[in-house]
Amino acid sequence: MTEHRLGDALAAQRAAEVRRAARALLRRPLLQAAGSHADEFRLVRRHATELRAWFERNTGWPLLVDSEVARLRRTPGRADDATHPARDQRTGLPFSRRRYVLVCLCLAVLERAEQQIALGRLAEQVVLAAADPALDAAGVSFGLADREQRTDLVAVVRLLLEWGVLAKVAGDEEAFLKSAGDALFDVDRRVLAVLLASRRGPSTVRADGFGERLAELNAEVLPDSDELRNRALRHSLTRRLLDDPVVYLDGLTDSESAYLTSQRGALTRRIGELTGLVPEVRAEGLAMVDPDDDLTDLRMPESGTDGHVALLTAEYLAGRGGGPVPLAELHRRIVGWAQEHAGFWRRSATAPGAEVELAGQAVERLVALGLLERAQAPDGSALVRPRPALDRYRVGETVLLEPGQSAPKKNTKTTAGRTKGARTR
């Protein structure tokens, strides 16, 4: 009896470790043996065989683990999803087109660099690379005289520091930004080598348009049997369920919708066993919700002025019955909320015109969480349309009960619940 209990305890401990390792990879698909994520790396390395088999079978994502790095080559479930951009490490603002180009140029320069590089030297090489006529023809330019462009480069460098491609040795990038100094970095060549997660090398892509090039970059071989087609559907849907806050049936192909309907229990069970995510099933689709609330880059609700605006917006739109709402109407509502909550919101929220920025940030957050979609009225004005999952934020009438009185079972509005934010990438 004691041996059975010990065996059960060891099995439970192993399952818990595998779950922590899987969640670590989903939070951060590139882990290094040294640094702040060393404990997570060791856990992933310990259970690499089991994790590699699960991800290969259910998502098609290869997992590389060696003595220096653990890299889950995670490709998105949807190539056209632009709701989760790279963001500035300090301001939280999304990257511009030029910053994305600078990321690629910096990586190309670092690929040919020595073991250490100064920020000034990196900037000079990036300027030379940016002089490519093809970039100029595409409307992208970069120079060091403009402070805004220097700020873009520093933001990219901070992102590379976060990824582990660079490690600071001396100096400060802020001094470089002010033209008052420089910074020196080590280049981690192992991290640099495993960073690219595409299915084919970018230099082999022959398509012309952006969408076509992106599709070709991650194109998979078309399945030619029922077994391979089912495997491709399993990979696609599992990626979506791990990546997207909500997977709506109306956003799937007929074959994907049919497969999800028939295999929903098996898909959600496998994901839940590995990650601890809990399925929330609706007639319109499916969401995998994280009770621990740490596999998300956007939370709902969230503290601060922007988080409160997003929550009030969600409650207001959910209570309107699901029809489209003019963005101008939302602006007017936010002006009223700013006056009502002036003692708690930041001072700038009551300034004339602040409602436009607040509404834009709230809508952006709710769209990224799959709770809203943007639309356009016949006259060209902007609209927002609630999606079914927004109903979880519908707040109904308060029902006061006398001591010993049971809650009414019919004809009573209830609170749909302010649940923790669904997962995002």
Protein backbone atom coordinates (compact mmCIF):
# COMPACT_ATOMS: atom_id res chain seq x y z
CA MET A 1 0.00 0.00 0.00
CA THR A 2 2.85 2.35 0.90
CA GLU A 3 4.59 1.59 -2.39
CA HIS A 4 1.42 2.42 -4.34
CA ARG A 5 1.05 5.76 -2.53
CA LEU A 6 4.70 6.56 -3.18
CA GLY A 7 4.32 5.67 -6.85
CA ASP A 8 1.21 7.86 -7.13
CA ALA A 9 3.01 10.73 -5.44
CA LEU A 10 6.00 10.45 -7.77
CA ALA A 11 3.72 10.28 -10.83
CA ALA A 12 1.83 13.38 -9.64
CA GLN A 13 5.09 15.20 -9.04
CA ARG A 14 6.34 14.32 -12.52
CA ALA A 15 3.07 15.44 -14.13
CA ALA A 16 3.27 18.75 -12.23
CA GLU A 17 6.86 19.28 -13.41
CA VAL A 18 5.94 18.55 -17.03
CA ARG A 19 3.06 21.02 -16.77
CA ARG A 20 5.34 23.73 -15.35
CA ALA A 21 7.87 23.07 -18.08
CA ALA A 22 5.22 23.25 -20.83
CA ARG A 23 3.81 26.48 -19.44
CA ALA A 24 7.33 27.93 -19.26
CA LEU A 25 7.81 27.21 -22.98
CA LEU A 26 4.44 28.71 -23.88
CA ARG A 27 5.27 31.87 -21.91
CA ARG A 28 8.77 32.11 -23.30
CA PRO A 29 9.57 29.82 -26.28
CA LEU A 30 13.32 30.48 -25.94
CA LEU A 31 14.94 29.68 -22.60
CA GLN A 32 18.65 29.96 -21.77
CA ALA A 33 20.66 27.81 -19.40
CA ALA A 34 21.99 30.92 -17.65
CA GLY A 35 20.12 33.94 -16.40
CA SER A 36 16.76 34.61 -14.78
CA HIS A 37 15.05 31.64 -16.48
CA ALA A 38 17.67 29.02 -15.62
CA ASP A 39 15.31 27.05 -13.33
CA GLU A 40 12.69 26.82 -16.07
CA PHE A 41 15.36 25.74 -18.56
CA ARG A 42 16.50 22.91 -16.30
CA LEU A 43 12.91 21.74 -15.90
CA VAL A 44 12.38 21.73 -19.67
CA ARG A 45 15.64 19.87 -20.26
CA ARG A 46 14.71 17.26 -17.66
CA HIS A 47 11.43 16.48 -19.44
CA ALA A 48 12.52 17.28 -22.99
CA THR A 49 11.61 13.88 -24.44
CA GLU A 50 8.01 14.00 -23.26
CA LEU A 51 7.55 17.65 -24.20
CA ARG A 52 9.09 17.15 -27.64
CA ALA A 53 6.76 14.24 -28.37
CA TRP A 54 3.64 16.17 -27.25
CA PHE A 55 4.36 19.31 -29.24
CA GLU A 56 5.36 17.36 -32.32
CA ARG A 57 2.20 15.24 -32.24
CA ASN A 58 -0.31 17.95 -31.35
CA THR A 59 1.07 21.18 -32.84
CA GLY A 60 3.87 20.28 -35.25
CA TRP A 61 6.18 22.69 -33.37
CA PRO A 62 9.73 21.27 -33.12
CA LEU A 63 11.42 21.53 -29.73
CA LEU A 64 15.21 21.93 -29.65
CA VAL A 65 16.95 21.39 -26.31
CA ASP A 66 20.71 21.32 -25.72
CA SER A 67 23.08 22.36 -22.96
CA GLU A 68 22.65 26.09 -23.73
CA VAL A 69 19.11 26.76 -24.92
CA ALA A 70 15.62 25.32 -25.12
CA ARG A 71 13.79 26.58 -28.21
CA LEU A 72 10.18 25.80 -29.09
CA ARG A 73 9.90 26.74 -32.76
CA ARG A 74 6.43 28.14 -32.37
CA THR A 75 4.69 29.25 -35.55
CA PRO A 76 1.38 31.11 -35.23
CA GLY A 77 -1.96 29.48 -35.82
CA ARG A 78 -2.91 32.42 -38.06
CA ALA A 79 -0.42 34.34 -40.15
CA ASP A 80 -2.84 37.27 -40.61
CA ASP A 81 -3.31 38.05 -36.91
CA ALA A 82 -1.85 41.52 -36.29
CA THR A 83 -3.36 42.05 -32.82
CA HIS A 84 -0.28 41.06 -30.81
CA PRO A 85 2.66 43.13 -32.04
CA ALA A 86 6.13 43.38 -30.56
CA ARG A 87 6.14 46.21 -28.03
CA ASP A 88 8.61 48.71 -26.68
CA GLN A 89 10.11 47.31 -23.46
CA ARG A 90 9.56 50.59 -21.58
CA THR A 91 6.57 52.38 -23.11
CA GLY A 92 4.53 49.35 -24.16
CA LEU A 93 3.82 50.95 -27.55
CA PRO A 94 3.62 48.59 -30.55
CA PHE A 95 6.52 48.42 -32.95
CA SER A 96 6.31 50.44 -36.13
CA ARG A 97 7.14 49.04 -39.56
CA ARG A 98 10.60 50.61 -39.37
CA ARG A 99 11.32 48.92 -36.05
CA TYR A 100 10.46 45.52 -37.49
CA VAL A 101 12.84 46.19 -40.37
CA LEU A 102 15.53 47.26 -37.88
CA VAL A 103 15.09 43.98 -35.97
CA CYS A 104 15.89 42.06 -39.16
CA LEU A 105 18.81 44.32 -40.06
CA CYS A 106 20.29 44.08 -36.56
CA LEU A 107 20.09 40.28 -36.64
CA ALA A 108 21.76 40.23 -40.06
CA VAL A 109 24.58 42.46 -38.77
CA LEU A 110 25.02 40.39 -35.60
CA GLU A 111 25.24 37.20 -37.66
CA ARG A 112 28.50 38.54 -39.16
CA ALA A 113 29.73 40.33 -36.02
CA GLU A 114 32.46 39.34 -33.57
CA GLN A 115 31.75 37.98 -30.09
CA GLN A 116 31.30 41.53 -28.79
CA ILE A 117 29.90 44.63 -30.46
CA ALA A 118 29.45 48.26 -29.46
CA LEU A 119 26.08 49.88 -29.99
CA GLY A 120 27.68 52.61 -32.09
CA ARG A 121 29.29 50.00 -34.33
CA LEU A 122 26.00 48.13 -34.64
CA ALA A 123 24.26 51.39 -35.59
CA GLU A 124 26.84 52.15 -38.28
CA GLN A 125 26.43 48.70 -39.83
CA VAL A 126 22.64 48.96 -39.73
CA VAL A 127 22.80 52.34 -41.50
CA LEU A 128 24.86 50.73 -44.27
CA ALA A 129 22.44 47.80 -44.54
CA ALA A 130 19.45 50.17 -44.61
CA ALA A 131 20.90 51.89 -47.67
CA ASP A 132 19.75 48.94 -49.78
CA PRO A 133 17.78 50.35 -52.74
CA ALA A 134 15.07 47.75 -52.18
CA LEU A 135 14.36 49.21 -48.72
CA ASP A 136 14.35 52.73 -50.09
CA ALA A 137 11.88 51.66 -52.77
CA ALA A 138 9.68 50.18 -50.03
CA GLY A 139 9.67 53.50 -48.18
CA VAL A 140 11.96 52.47 -45.32
CA SER A 141 14.95 54.63 -44.39
CA PHE A 142 17.22 54.85 -41.36
CA GLY A 143 19.84 57.30 -40.17
CA LEU A 144 21.50 58.41 -36.94
CA ALA A 145 20.96 62.16 -37.12
CA ASP A 146 17.26 61.89 -36.25
CA ARG A 147 16.56 61.27 -32.53
CA GLU A 148 13.34 59.44 -33.39
CA GLN A 149 15.24 56.93 -35.48
CA ARG A 150 17.91 56.51 -32.81
CA THR A 151 15.06 55.80 -30.39
CA ASP A 152 13.82 53.10 -32.77
CA LEU A 153 17.25 51.44 -32.76
CA VAL A 154 17.49 51.56 -28.97
CA ALA A 155 14.02 49.99 -28.67
CA VAL A 156 15.14 47.15 -30.95
CA VAL A 157 18.34 46.65 -28.93
CA ARG A 158 16.29 46.39 -25.74
CA LEU A 159 14.13 43.75 -27.38
CA LEU A 160 17.26 41.78 -28.35
CA LEU A 161 18.45 42.07 -24.76
CA GLU A 162 15.12 40.65 -23.59
CA TRP A 163 15.38 37.78 -26.06
CA GLY A 164 18.92 36.99 -24.93
CA VAL A 165 20.58 37.68 -28.29
CA LEU A 166 22.60 40.44 -26.61
CA ALA A 167 23.96 40.71 -23.07
CA LYS A 168 25.18 44.04 -21.75
CA VAL A 169 28.85 44.25 -20.77
CA ALA A 170 29.30 47.98 -20.13
CA GLY A 171 27.75 51.35 -20.85
CA ASP A 172 24.13 52.32 -21.34
CA GLU A 173 21.97 52.49 -24.45
CA GLU A 174 20.29 55.57 -22.98
CA ALA A 175 23.61 57.42 -23.23
CA PHE A 176 23.84 56.45 -26.89
CA LEU A 177 20.35 57.80 -27.43
CA LYS A 178 21.45 61.15 -26.03
CA SER A 179 24.70 61.07 -28.05
CA ALA A 180 26.59 61.11 -24.75
CA GLY A 181 28.13 57.66 -24.67
CA ASP A 182 28.07 54.11 -25.96
CA ALA A 183 27.34 50.57 -24.78
CA LEU A 184 29.12 47.25 -25.26
CA PHE A 185 27.32 43.92 -25.67
CA ASP A 186 28.19 40.24 -25.85
CA VAL A 187 26.55 38.43 -28.76
CA ASP A 188 25.06 35.05 -27.84
CA ARG A 189 25.60 33.16 -31.06
CA ARG A 190 23.68 30.09 -29.91
CA VAL A 191 20.54 32.11 -29.25
CA LEU A 192 21.03 33.94 -32.54
CA ALA A 193 21.29 30.62 -34.40
CA VAL A 194 17.97 29.23 -33.06
CA LEU A 195 15.96 32.45 -33.13
CA LEU A 196 14.36 32.00 -36.56
CA ALA A 197 11.23 29.84 -36.31
CA SER A 198 10.03 29.74 -39.92
CA ARG A 199 9.61 26.49 -41.84
CA ARG A 200 11.93 27.60 -44.62
CA GLY A 201 14.73 30.09 -45.03
CA PRO A 202 13.58 33.60 -45.97
CA SER A 203 16.09 33.68 -48.84
CA THR A 204 14.25 30.78 -50.52
CA VAL A 205 10.91 32.63 -50.67
CA ARG A 206 10.06 33.68 -54.22
CA ALA A 207 6.63 35.32 -53.83
CA ASP A 208 6.29 39.10 -54.30
CA GLY A 209 3.43 40.38 -52.11
CA PHE A 210 3.78 40.58 -48.33
CA GLY A 211 0.90 38.20 -47.60
CA GLU A 212 2.09 35.71 -50.18
CA ARG A 213 5.69 35.83 -48.88
CA LEU A 214 4.51 35.31 -45.31
CA ALA A 215 2.34 32.36 -46.34
CA GLU A 216 5.22 30.79 -48.29
CA LEU A 217 7.59 31.30 -45.35
CA ASN A 218 5.56 28.90 -43.19
CA ALA A 219 3.89 26.79 -45.89
CA GLU A 220 3.53 23.11 -45.10
CA VAL A 221 3.39 20.18 -47.49
CA LEU A 222 -0.21 19.52 -48.56
CA PRO A 223 -1.45 16.25 -47.02
CA ASP A 224 -2.41 13.53 -49.49
CA SER A 225 -4.20 11.05 -47.22
CA ASP A 226 -7.00 11.13 -44.64
CA GLU A 227 -4.55 10.47 -41.81
CA LEU A 228 -2.27 13.33 -42.84
CA ARG A 229 -5.23 15.67 -43.37
CA ASN A 230 -6.51 14.89 -39.87
CA ARG A 231 -3.03 15.47 -38.46
CA ALA A 232 -2.84 18.86 -40.22
CA LEU A 233 -6.25 19.80 -38.78
CA ARG A 234 -5.17 18.70 -35.29
CA HIS A 235 -2.01 20.80 -35.55
CA SER A 236 -3.87 23.85 -36.84
CA LEU A 237 -6.62 23.78 -34.22
CA THR A 238 -4.32 23.03 -31.30
CA ARG A 239 -2.12 25.99 -32.30
CA ARG A 240 -5.19 28.20 -32.46
CA LEU A 241 -6.44 27.02 -29.07
CA LEU A 242 -3.02 27.68 -27.51
CA ASP A 243 -2.54 31.02 -29.29
CA ASP A 244 -5.94 32.69 -29.57
CA PRO A 245 -8.07 33.93 -26.65
CA VAL A 246 -11.20 32.62 -28.44
CA VAL A 247 -11.62 30.34 -31.44
CA TYR A 248 -14.92 31.11 -33.18
CA LEU A 249 -16.49 28.56 -35.51
CA ASP A 250 -17.27 31.26 -38.07
CA GLY A 251 -13.53 31.93 -38.39
CA LEU A 252 -12.71 28.33 -39.32
CA THR A 253 -12.89 26.50 -42.61
CA ASP A 254 -15.61 23.86 -43.05
CA SER A 255 -13.12 21.05 -42.45
CA GLU A 256 -11.67 22.74 -39.35
CA SER A 257 -15.14 23.39 -37.95
CA ALA A 258 -16.20 19.77 -38.53
CA TYR A 259 -13.01 18.43 -36.94
CA LEU A 260 -13.33 20.71 -33.91
CA THR A 261 -16.97 19.71 -33.41
CA SER A 262 -16.16 16.00 -33.51
CA GLN A 263 -12.83 16.08 -31.67
CA ARG A 264 -13.43 18.92 -29.22
CA GLY A 265 -13.30 16.69 -26.14
CA ALA A 266 -10.04 15.02 -27.15
CA LEU A 267 -8.38 18.31 -28.14
CA THR A 268 -9.29 20.15 -24.95
CA ARG A 269 -8.46 17.17 -22.76
CA ARG A 270 -4.94 16.86 -24.18
CA ILE A 271 -4.32 20.61 -23.86
CA GLY A 272 -5.73 20.67 -20.33
CA GLU A 273 -3.62 17.73 -19.18
CA LEU A 274 -0.40 19.35 -20.40
CA THR A 275 -1.03 22.99 -19.54
CA GLY A 276 -3.81 23.22 -16.96
CA LEU A 277 -5.95 25.38 -19.26
CA VAL A 278 -9.71 24.98 -18.80
CA PRO A 279 -12.11 24.86 -21.79
CA GLU A 280 -14.96 27.35 -21.96
CA VAL A 281 -17.40 26.01 -24.54
CA ARG A 282 -19.98 28.19 -26.26
CA ALA A 283 -22.30 27.58 -29.18
CA GLU A 284 -20.21 30.02 -31.22
CA GLY A 285 -16.82 28.54 -30.42
CA LEU A 286 -14.31 27.61 -27.76
CA ALA A 287 -11.77 29.26 -25.47
CA MET A 288 -9.05 27.75 -23.30
CA VAL A 289 -8.95 29.87 -20.14
CA ASP A 290 -5.96 30.03 -17.81
CA PRO A 291 -7.01 29.90 -14.10
CA ASP A 292 -3.48 30.94 -13.09
CA ASP A 293 -3.57 33.99 -15.39
CA ASP A 294 0.10 33.89 -16.40
CA LEU A 295 -0.07 32.61 -20.00
CA THR A 296 -1.32 35.91 -21.31
CA ASP A 297 0.14 39.15 -22.60
CA LEU A 298 -3.18 40.98 -22.17
CA ARG A 299 -5.33 40.77 -19.06
CA MET A 300 -8.95 41.59 -18.54
CA PRO A 301 -9.69 43.25 -16.21
CA GLU A 302 -6.45 45.10 -15.53
CA SER A 303 -5.57 47.89 -13.12
CA GLY A 304 -4.94 51.49 -14.12
CA THR A 305 -6.86 53.96 -16.22
CA ASP A 306 -6.56 52.05 -19.49
CA GLY A 307 -7.63 48.79 -17.85
CA HIS A 308 -10.64 50.45 -16.23
CA VAL A 309 -11.69 52.05 -19.51
CA ALA A 310 -11.49 48.68 -21.25
CA LEU A 311 -13.61 47.04 -18.54
CA LEU A 312 -16.26 49.78 -18.61
CA THR A 313 -16.32 49.58 -22.41
CA ALA A 314 -16.78 45.81 -22.28
CA GLU A 315 -19.64 46.07 -19.76
CA TYR A 316 -21.34 48.82 -21.71
CA LEU A 317 -21.15 47.08 -25.08
CA ALA A 318 -22.14 43.70 -23.62
CA GLY A 319 -25.28 45.26 -22.16
CA ARG A 320 -26.48 46.66 -25.49
CA GLY A 321 -27.58 43.35 -26.94
CA GLY A 322 -24.84 42.68 -29.48
CA GLY A 323 -25.52 45.25 -32.20
CA PRO A 324 -22.81 47.46 -33.74
CA VAL A 325 -22.00 50.69 -31.92
CA PRO A 326 -20.58 53.86 -33.51
CA LEU A 327 -17.12 54.67 -32.24
CA ALA A 328 -18.28 58.26 -31.75
CA GLU A 329 -20.84 57.03 -29.22
CA LEU A 330 -18.09 55.27 -27.32
CA HIS A 331 -16.12 58.53 -27.29
CA ARG A 332 -19.07 60.30 -25.64
CA ARG A 333 -19.39 57.57 -23.04
CA ILE A 334 -15.71 57.80 -22.13
CA VAL A 335 -15.99 61.57 -21.65
CA GLY A 336 -18.70 60.89 -19.06
CA TRP A 337 -16.72 58.14 -17.37
CA ALA A 338 -13.67 60.40 -17.19
CA GLN A 339 -15.66 62.96 -15.22
CA GLU A 340 -17.21 60.29 -13.01
CA HIS A 341 -13.87 58.66 -12.17
CA ALA A 342 -11.68 61.77 -12.29
CA GLY A 343 -10.37 61.10 -8.77
CA PHE A 344 -9.02 57.69 -9.79
CA TRP A 345 -7.95 58.09 -13.42
CA ARG A 346 -4.81 59.86 -14.54
CA ARG A 347 -5.19 63.61 -14.93
CA SER A 348 -4.77 63.64 -18.68
CA ALA A 349 -7.90 61.48 -19.09
CA THR A 350 -10.16 64.51 -18.68
CA ALA A 351 -8.30 66.65 -21.23
CA PRO A 352 -10.21 67.54 -24.42
CA GLY A 353 -9.71 64.84 -27.03
CA ALA A 354 -8.32 62.28 -24.56
CA GLU A 355 -11.38 60.10 -25.15
CA VAL A 356 -10.18 59.28 -28.67
CA GLU A 357 -6.91 57.77 -27.44
CA LEU A 358 -8.61 56.00 -24.51
CA ALA A 359 -11.24 54.51 -26.81
CA GLY A 360 -8.60 53.43 -29.31
CA GLN A 361 -6.59 51.61 -26.63
CA ALA A 362 -9.70 49.95 -25.17
CA VAL A 363 -10.91 48.77 -28.57
CA GLU A 364 -7.44 47.52 -29.47
CA ARG A 365 -7.34 45.45 -26.27
CA LEU A 366 -10.83 44.02 -26.71
CA VAL A 367 -10.21 43.15 -30.37
CA ALA A 368 -6.96 41.37 -29.42
CA LEU A 369 -8.89 39.37 -26.80
CA GLY A 370 -11.49 38.30 -29.36
CA LEU A 371 -14.25 40.27 -27.63
CA LEU A 372 -14.84 42.92 -30.32
CA GLU A 373 -14.39 43.39 -34.04
CA ARG A 374 -14.04 46.59 -36.01
CA ALA A 375 -16.58 47.44 -38.69
CA GLN A 376 -17.62 50.33 -40.91
CA ALA A 377 -21.00 51.98 -41.40
CA PRO A 378 -22.36 52.67 -44.92
CA ASP A 379 -21.37 56.33 -44.51
CA GLY A 380 -17.77 55.29 -43.77
CA SER A 381 -17.84 56.01 -40.03
CA ALA A 382 -16.15 53.57 -37.66
CA LEU A 383 -18.14 50.99 -35.74
CA VAL A 384 -17.34 48.32 -33.17
CA ARG A 385 -19.32 45.08 -33.03
CA PRO A 386 -19.38 42.84 -29.91
CA ARG A 387 -18.37 39.22 -30.33
CA PRO A 388 -20.19 36.46 -28.39
CA ALA A 389 -17.46 36.01 -25.74
CA LEU A 390 -18.02 39.62 -24.61
CA ASP A 391 -21.18 38.41 -22.88
CA ARG A 392 -19.04 37.23 -19.96
CA TYR A 393 -18.76 40.91 -19.00
CA ARG A 394 -22.49 41.57 -19.07
CA VAL A 395 -23.58 42.83 -15.64
CA GLY A 396 -27.25 42.40 -14.80
CA GLU A 397 -29.53 43.74 -12.12
CA THR A 398 -28.57 43.28 -8.49
CA VAL A 399 -30.92 40.95 -6.61
CA LEU A 400 -31.15 41.51 -2.84
CA LEU A 401 -32.19 38.45 -0.84
CA GLU A 402 -33.67 38.33 2.62
CA PRO A 403 -32.02 35.97 5.14
CA GLY A 404 -32.96 32.42 4.24
CA GLN A 405 -34.45 33.38 0.86
CA SER A 406 -33.33 31.38 -2.17
CA ALA A 407 -32.27 33.08 -5.38
CA PRO A 408 -35.01 33.11 -8.04
CA LYS A 409 -34.42 30.56 -10.78
CA LYS A 410 -36.27 32.17 -13.66
CA ASN A 411 -36.68 35.56 -15.26
CA THR A 412 -33.72 36.97 -13.39
CA LYS A 413 -30.75 38.67 -14.95
CA THR A 414 -27.41 37.50 -13.62
CA THR A 415 -23.83 38.61 -13.80
CA ALA A 416 -21.99 36.89 -16.60
CA GLY A 417 -18.81 37.27 -14.57
CA ARG A 418 -15.58 39.25 -14.77
CA THR A 419 -13.34 36.31 -15.40
CA LYS A 420 -9.60 36.50 -15.74
CA GLY A 421 -8.26 37.35 -19.15
CA ALA A 422 -8.20 34.62 -21.73
CA ARG A 423 -4.81 33.63 -23.01
CA THR A 424 -3.03 35.46 -25.73
CA ARG A 425 0.36 34.99 -27.29
